[in-house]
Amino acid sequence: MQALASKDVGAEYVRDAAWLPHLYDPRRDSLTFAYLPRDAQRAVTFLDPRFIERSAESGSVQIAQLPASDIRDNAGPLQFIFHTGFCCSTLLTRALDIPGVSMGLKEPAVLASFADYWSNSRRNVGAFEALSVTLDLLSRPLAPGETQIVKPSTIVNHIMPQLLHARQDAKAILLYSSLDSFLRAIARRGVEGRIFARQMFRQFAPVNPLDSGYGDEDAILFSDLQVAAQAWLMQISFMEQITKRFGVDRIRVLDAGTLLADPVSTLKQVGAFFDMNLTLERAQQVASSGIFREHAKERGRPFDVAAQKAQYDEAGAAHREELMMAKDWARALAIRCNAPLTLPETIFS
């Protein structure tokens, strides 16, 4: 499919919900769109350039070219799933792809564009308006009556306040796993996981720093899992602030262990919190479907709760000494920084 060439190109991209906003350019105050019908979204791991390079893309469309009345007319309900990483967020988002009820958007790259914008010194007076427009575009349902549920990547976490202010009607689930689970997930991924942990730390340190007393020169002395623990603490500390700022009417906390242990009740409660028409029978159908017996990021690979526990146990045995050291150190750091080591679960409140 070729990019649309209509004179009224902005309106065409707005009216067809399969054209997702893909990237934001703050210098031009413009959006690029990617053509991703439901089946295409299901087929890719995430909605970012690594996975959608074969999708048709629009040219750059300035925000001013997009008709405000059409955006308002086509917008629908929008909710969020924020997460700490390695905590079943992709699984939950896939489970919420329920035709006629909801659709889960997995880490749309356009939100990373805005996160990058708010991480640096560039300033554009129209950026917040552009964010509002983008969220309204993401909220367009692919079928009548559906709720769009956006799971941003972790690099977007620091702009949770902007996202929630831009869509005053939106609610959010804060999904997390324990420090121990997070560190085991990093360790078992080998070099790739350790590099990822340092990337997370680099992303979070400027925007969600801990009052640790450590300077930049100390970072080289930390082990990979100490760095990972700091990245996790930065996220949990910020999420605690978010829960206090917005309250349970708009924010609910979910432990990944609860989702795995009782997917039916969890899905039903998420649906109720998000004001979705998700019946108990439909939640049971989803929970018993192949989604919970397949690896969330690797289609066709068998994976379930038992396999997840086996991975957890194997990582604990293989990295026992390093994990114990990192967790002890992180607990001491949490006390020093007045950072939480857990969040009270409120999804069933």
Protein backbone atom coordinates (compact mmCIF):
# COMPACT_ATOMS: atom_id res chain seq x y z
CA MET A 1 0.00 0.00 0.00
CA GLN A 2 1.31 3.43 -0.92
CA ALA A 3 1.09 6.45 1.33
CA LEU A 4 -2.06 8.44 0.65
CA ALA A 5 -1.68 11.31 -1.79
CA SER A 6 -4.98 13.06 -1.19
CA LYS A 7 -4.98 16.84 -0.93
CA ASP A 8 -6.83 16.36 2.35
CA VAL A 9 -4.23 13.87 3.57
CA GLY A 10 -4.54 14.80 7.25
CA ALA A 11 -8.24 13.92 7.31
CA GLU A 12 -7.67 10.59 5.58
CA TYR A 13 -5.16 9.49 8.20
CA VAL A 14 -7.49 10.56 10.99
CA ARG A 15 -10.58 8.77 9.71
CA ASP A 16 -8.98 5.33 9.33
CA ALA A 17 -7.93 3.95 12.73
CA ALA A 18 -5.53 1.51 11.05
CA TRP A 19 -3.25 4.49 10.38
CA LEU A 20 -1.50 4.71 13.75
CA PRO A 21 0.62 7.71 14.74
CA HIS A 22 4.12 6.29 14.62
CA LEU A 23 6.70 9.03 15.24
CA TYR A 24 6.58 12.64 16.45
CA ASP A 25 9.05 15.25 15.21
CA PRO A 26 9.13 18.19 17.67
CA ARG A 27 11.16 20.36 15.31
CA ARG A 28 8.44 20.23 12.67
CA ASP A 29 5.57 19.60 15.12
CA SER A 30 4.52 16.74 12.90
CA LEU A 31 3.49 13.08 12.99
CA THR A 32 4.36 10.15 10.76
CA PHE A 33 1.70 7.43 10.49
CA ALA A 34 2.09 3.66 9.93
CA TYR A 35 -0.64 1.48 8.42
CA LEU A 36 -1.36 -1.34 10.88
CA PRO A 37 -4.73 -3.10 10.77
CA ARG A 38 -5.62 -5.36 13.71
CA ASP A 39 -4.05 -8.51 12.24
CA ALA A 40 -0.82 -6.64 11.55
CA GLN A 41 -0.72 -5.35 15.12
CA ARG A 42 -1.29 -8.86 16.45
CA ALA A 43 1.56 -10.22 14.35
CA VAL A 44 4.28 -7.87 15.62
CA THR A 45 5.92 -7.94 19.04
CA PHE A 46 5.88 -4.15 19.49
CA LEU A 47 4.66 -1.18 17.50
CA ASP A 48 8.10 0.27 16.87
CA PRO A 49 10.47 0.45 13.88
CA ARG A 50 12.22 -2.83 14.78
CA PHE A 51 9.07 -4.79 13.99
CA ILE A 52 6.95 -2.77 11.54
CA GLU A 53 9.50 -1.85 8.91
CA ARG A 54 7.42 -3.52 6.19
CA SER A 55 4.30 -1.51 7.00
CA ALA A 56 3.26 1.38 4.80
CA GLU A 57 4.14 4.79 6.24
CA SER A 58 2.86 8.27 5.57
CA GLY A 59 4.95 11.28 4.95
CA SER A 60 5.37 13.87 7.67
CA VAL A 61 2.01 15.45 8.56
CA GLN A 62 2.01 18.60 10.64
CA ILE A 63 -0.32 18.66 13.63
CA ALA A 64 -1.99 21.74 12.15
CA GLN A 65 -2.97 19.70 9.07
CA LEU A 66 -4.99 17.25 11.14
CA PRO A 67 -8.66 18.29 11.36
CA ALA A 68 -9.58 18.80 15.00
CA SER A 69 -13.27 18.05 14.46
CA ASP A 70 -12.51 14.67 12.88
CA ILE A 71 -10.11 13.81 15.69
CA ARG A 72 -12.79 14.54 18.27
CA ASP A 73 -15.45 12.62 16.32
CA ASN A 74 -13.28 9.51 15.93
CA ALA A 75 -11.69 9.43 19.40
CA GLY A 76 -12.73 6.67 21.81
CA PRO A 77 -11.97 5.41 25.33
CA LEU A 78 -8.26 5.16 26.19
CA GLN A 79 -6.55 3.43 29.13
CA PHE A 80 -2.91 2.69 30.04
CA ILE A 81 -0.76 -0.15 31.32
CA PHE A 82 2.51 1.18 32.74
CA HIS A 83 5.09 -1.36 33.90
CA THR A 84 8.59 -1.93 35.27
CA GLY A 85 9.74 -4.39 32.60
CA PHE A 86 9.88 -8.20 32.66
CA CYS A 87 6.55 -8.37 34.50
CA CYS A 88 4.10 -9.92 32.00
CA SER A 89 2.96 -6.58 30.57
CA THR A 90 3.03 -7.92 27.00
CA LEU A 91 1.02 -10.95 28.12
CA LEU A 92 -1.62 -8.74 29.74
CA THR A 93 -1.79 -6.47 26.69
CA ARG A 94 -2.20 -9.43 24.34
CA ALA A 95 -4.90 -10.84 26.62
CA LEU A 96 -6.80 -7.57 26.23
CA ASP A 97 -7.04 -7.98 22.45
CA ILE A 98 -10.70 -8.99 22.67
CA PRO A 99 -12.66 -8.09 19.52
CA GLY A 100 -15.75 -6.07 20.38
CA VAL A 101 -14.38 -5.26 23.85
CA SER A 102 -10.83 -3.91 23.72
CA MET A 103 -7.53 -3.76 21.87
CA GLY A 104 -4.06 -3.64 23.40
CA LEU A 105 -1.45 -1.40 21.75
CA LYS A 106 2.02 -2.78 22.52
CA GLU A 107 4.66 -0.08 23.03
CA PRO A 108 3.80 2.39 20.24
CA ALA A 109 7.00 4.16 19.26
CA VAL A 110 5.29 7.53 18.99
CA LEU A 111 5.11 7.78 22.79
CA ALA A 112 8.84 7.14 23.00
CA SER A 113 9.24 10.16 20.72
CA PHE A 114 7.45 12.31 23.29
CA ALA A 115 9.41 10.77 26.17
CA ASP A 116 12.62 11.66 24.38
CA TYR A 117 11.36 15.18 23.83
CA TRP A 118 10.66 15.70 27.54
CA SER A 119 14.06 14.23 28.43
CA ASN A 120 16.07 16.96 26.75
CA SER A 121 16.28 20.72 26.65
CA ARG A 122 14.41 21.24 23.36
CA ARG A 123 11.14 23.02 23.90
CA ASN A 124 8.23 23.42 21.52
CA VAL A 125 5.16 25.33 22.65
CA GLY A 126 2.92 22.89 20.78
CA ALA A 127 4.30 19.64 22.17
CA PHE A 128 1.63 19.09 24.81
CA GLU A 129 -1.10 19.78 22.27
CA ALA A 130 0.60 17.33 19.92
CA LEU A 131 0.62 14.73 22.70
CA SER A 132 -3.11 15.25 23.28
CA VAL A 133 -3.79 14.85 19.56
CA THR A 134 -1.65 11.71 19.44
CA LEU A 135 -3.48 10.11 22.35
CA ASP A 136 -6.83 10.88 20.76
CA LEU A 137 -5.58 9.24 17.56
CA LEU A 138 -4.40 6.18 19.47
CA SER A 139 -7.81 5.99 21.15
CA ARG A 140 -9.71 5.42 17.90
CA PRO A 141 -11.35 1.99 18.18
CA LEU A 142 -10.74 -0.61 15.49
CA ALA A 143 -14.31 -1.87 16.01
CA PRO A 144 -17.37 -0.12 17.47
CA GLY A 145 -17.54 -0.11 21.25
CA GLU A 146 -13.93 -1.12 21.87
CA THR A 147 -11.55 0.44 24.39
CA GLN A 148 -7.97 1.10 23.30
CA ILE A 149 -5.44 0.06 25.96
CA VAL A 150 -1.94 1.44 25.49
CA LYS A 151 1.09 -0.25 27.01
CA PRO A 152 4.01 2.16 26.60
CA SER A 153 7.61 0.97 26.85
CA THR A 154 9.46 1.59 30.12
CA ILE A 155 11.32 4.55 28.62
CA VAL A 156 7.99 6.38 28.59
CA ASN A 157 7.38 5.96 32.34
CA HIS A 158 8.72 9.38 33.30
CA ILE A 159 5.98 11.14 31.29
CA MET A 160 3.11 9.34 33.04
CA PRO A 161 1.89 12.69 34.46
CA GLN A 162 1.80 14.30 31.01
CA LEU A 163 -0.08 11.33 29.55
CA LEU A 164 -2.65 11.30 32.36
CA HIS A 165 -3.11 15.08 32.22
CA ALA A 166 -3.49 15.01 28.43
CA ARG A 167 -6.32 12.47 28.74
CA GLN A 168 -8.21 13.38 31.89
CA ASP A 169 -10.61 10.47 31.33
CA ALA A 170 -7.88 7.83 31.15
CA LYS A 171 -7.03 5.40 33.91
CA ALA A 172 -3.90 3.31 34.36
CA ILE A 173 -2.72 -0.02 35.70
CA LEU A 174 0.77 0.04 37.22
CA LEU A 175 2.07 -3.49 36.66
CA TYR A 176 5.22 -4.60 38.41
CA SER A 177 7.11 -7.65 39.66
CA SER A 178 9.32 -7.93 42.72
CA LEU A 179 12.92 -6.76 42.81
CA ASP A 180 13.98 -10.41 43.05
CA SER A 181 11.98 -11.36 39.92
CA PHE A 182 13.34 -8.37 38.01
CA LEU A 183 16.96 -9.16 38.89
CA ARG A 184 16.54 -12.83 37.98
CA ALA A 185 15.05 -11.78 34.63
CA ILE A 186 18.08 -9.59 33.94
CA ALA A 187 20.57 -12.25 35.05
CA ARG A 188 19.12 -15.11 33.02
CA ARG A 189 19.30 -13.04 29.82
CA GLY A 190 23.09 -12.99 30.02
CA VAL A 191 25.01 -10.22 28.33
CA GLU A 192 21.89 -8.94 26.56
CA GLY A 193 20.06 -8.51 29.87
CA ARG A 194 22.99 -6.79 31.53
CA ILE A 195 23.36 -4.32 28.68
CA PHE A 196 19.62 -3.66 28.84
CA ALA A 197 19.84 -2.96 32.58
CA ARG A 198 22.54 -0.35 32.02
CA GLN A 199 20.46 1.22 29.25
CA MET A 200 17.49 1.43 31.62
CA PHE A 201 19.66 3.04 34.28
CA ARG A 202 20.96 5.59 31.78
CA GLN A 203 17.41 6.42 30.70
CA PHE A 204 15.98 6.76 34.22
CA ALA A 205 18.86 8.44 36.06
CA PRO A 206 18.37 11.93 34.53
CA VAL A 207 14.56 11.95 34.86
CA ASN A 208 13.79 9.80 37.93
CA PRO A 209 16.97 9.94 40.03
CA LEU A 210 17.36 8.41 43.47
CA ASP A 211 18.76 10.56 46.25
CA SER A 212 21.49 7.97 46.75
CA GLY A 213 24.50 10.15 47.39
CA TYR A 214 26.42 8.41 44.63
CA GLY A 215 28.08 10.50 41.94
CA ASP A 216 28.56 9.74 38.25
CA GLU A 217 32.06 8.50 38.94
CA ASP A 218 30.67 5.78 41.24
CA ALA A 219 28.63 4.15 38.50
CA ILE A 220 31.61 2.31 37.05
CA LEU A 221 32.05 0.49 40.38
CA PHE A 222 28.54 -1.01 40.42
CA SER A 223 27.91 -4.56 39.27
CA ASP A 224 25.37 -5.15 36.51
CA LEU A 225 22.74 -6.29 38.98
CA GLN A 226 23.38 -3.30 41.26
CA VAL A 227 22.72 -1.08 38.26
CA ALA A 228 19.57 -3.08 37.48
CA ALA A 229 18.40 -2.75 41.09
CA GLN A 230 18.78 1.01 40.94
CA ALA A 231 16.76 1.14 37.70
CA TRP A 232 14.01 -0.89 39.37
CA LEU A 233 14.03 1.32 42.48
CA MET A 234 13.81 4.46 40.35
CA GLN A 235 10.70 3.11 38.66
CA ILE A 236 9.02 1.89 41.84
CA SER A 237 9.72 5.17 43.61
CA PHE A 238 8.18 7.14 40.76
CA MET A 239 5.19 4.82 40.57
CA GLU A 240 4.58 5.31 44.28
CA GLN A 241 4.48 9.06 43.68
CA ILE A 242 2.05 8.56 40.78
CA THR A 243 -0.33 6.49 42.92
CA LYS A 244 -0.38 9.19 45.58
CA ARG A 245 -0.80 12.00 43.06
CA PHE A 246 -3.70 10.52 41.06
CA GLY A 247 -5.37 8.21 43.61
CA VAL A 248 -7.22 4.90 43.22
CA ASP A 249 -9.94 6.42 41.05
CA ARG A 250 -7.41 6.67 38.22
CA ILE A 251 -4.53 4.38 39.23
CA ARG A 252 -4.54 0.75 40.32
CA VAL A 253 -1.48 -1.37 41.14
CA LEU A 254 -1.17 -4.97 39.94
CA ASP A 255 1.49 -7.51 40.92
CA ALA A 256 2.48 -9.77 38.00
CA GLY A 257 2.23 -12.75 40.33
CA THR A 258 -1.48 -12.08 40.77
CA LEU A 259 -2.05 -12.07 37.00
CA LEU A 260 -0.31 -15.44 36.64
CA ALA A 261 -1.96 -17.01 39.68
CA ASP A 262 -5.51 -15.90 38.90
CA PRO A 263 -5.87 -14.60 35.34
CA VAL A 264 -9.68 -14.82 35.29
CA SER A 265 -10.25 -12.62 38.34
CA THR A 266 -7.48 -10.27 37.29
CA LEU A 267 -8.82 -9.77 33.77
CA LYS A 268 -12.34 -9.30 35.11
CA GLN A 269 -11.14 -6.66 37.56
CA VAL A 270 -9.03 -4.87 34.96
CA GLY A 271 -12.06 -4.79 32.71
CA ALA A 272 -14.24 -3.34 35.46
CA PHE A 273 -11.66 -0.68 36.34
CA PHE A 274 -11.29 0.28 32.67
CA ASP A 275 -15.09 0.46 32.27
CA MET A 276 -15.02 -2.29 29.63
CA ASN A 277 -17.86 -4.66 28.84
CA LEU A 278 -15.81 -7.71 29.83
CA THR A 279 -18.03 -10.46 31.18
CA LEU A 280 -16.85 -13.25 33.46
CA GLU A 281 -17.49 -15.75 30.66
CA ARG A 282 -15.33 -13.75 28.22
CA ALA A 283 -12.56 -13.42 30.84
CA GLN A 284 -12.64 -17.20 31.33
CA GLN A 285 -12.38 -17.74 27.58
CA VAL A 286 -9.32 -15.50 27.35
CA ALA A 287 -7.65 -17.08 30.38
CA SER A 288 -8.11 -20.58 28.95
CA SER A 289 -6.98 -19.58 25.46
CA GLY A 290 -3.57 -20.11 23.90
CA ILE A 291 -2.45 -16.65 25.01
CA PHE A 292 -1.63 -17.99 28.47
CA ARG A 293 0.13 -21.05 27.02
CA GLU A 294 2.42 -19.21 24.61
CA HIS A 295 5.43 -16.97 25.13
CA ALA A 296 4.16 -13.38 24.94
CA LYS A 297 7.00 -12.19 22.69
CA GLU A 298 7.75 -15.40 20.76
CA ARG A 299 4.70 -16.66 18.90
CA GLY A 300 4.45 -20.42 18.77
CA ARG A 301 6.82 -21.06 21.68
CA PRO A 302 5.02 -22.99 24.45
CA PHE A 303 5.16 -21.14 27.75
CA ASP A 304 2.98 -21.15 30.85
CA VAL A 305 3.13 -20.55 34.61
CA ALA A 306 5.11 -23.72 35.19
CA ALA A 307 7.68 -22.71 32.57
CA GLN A 308 7.90 -19.24 34.09
CA LYS A 309 8.59 -20.73 37.54
CA ALA A 310 11.22 -23.06 36.07
CA GLN A 311 13.02 -20.06 34.56
CA TYR A 312 12.78 -18.22 37.86
CA ASP A 313 14.24 -21.15 39.82
CA GLU A 314 16.97 -21.79 37.27
CA ALA A 315 18.11 -18.15 37.34
CA GLY A 316 18.13 -18.19 41.13
CA ALA A 317 20.32 -21.27 41.26
CA ALA A 318 22.71 -20.11 38.53
CA HIS A 319 23.25 -16.61 39.95
CA ARG A 320 22.58 -17.18 43.64
CA GLU A 321 25.57 -15.34 45.12
CA GLU A 322 25.35 -12.34 42.80
CA LEU A 323 21.60 -12.04 43.35
CA MET A 324 21.92 -12.16 47.13
CA MET A 325 24.59 -9.47 47.10
CA ALA A 326 22.60 -7.19 44.80
CA LYS A 327 19.36 -7.60 46.78
CA ASP A 328 21.07 -6.92 50.13
CA TRP A 329 22.71 -3.85 48.66
CA ALA A 330 19.42 -2.66 47.12
CA ARG A 331 17.56 -3.03 50.42
CA ALA A 332 20.16 -0.86 52.13
CA LEU A 333 19.97 1.68 49.30
CA ALA A 334 16.17 1.77 49.55
CA ILE A 335 16.42 2.65 53.24
CA ARG A 336 18.96 5.38 52.49
CA CYS A 337 16.78 6.83 49.70
CA ASN A 338 13.45 6.28 51.45
CA ALA A 339 12.39 4.23 48.43
CA PRO A 340 9.73 1.48 48.60
CA LEU A 341 10.57 -2.17 47.99
CA THR A 342 6.99 -2.99 47.11
CA LEU A 343 3.76 -1.29 46.13
CA PRO A 344 0.44 -2.12 47.82
CA GLU A 345 -1.72 -3.98 45.30
CA THR A 346 -4.95 -2.06 44.69
CA ILE A 347 -6.43 -3.67 41.58
CA PHE A 348 -9.15 -5.31 43.68
CA SER A 349 -9.93 -2.16 45.68
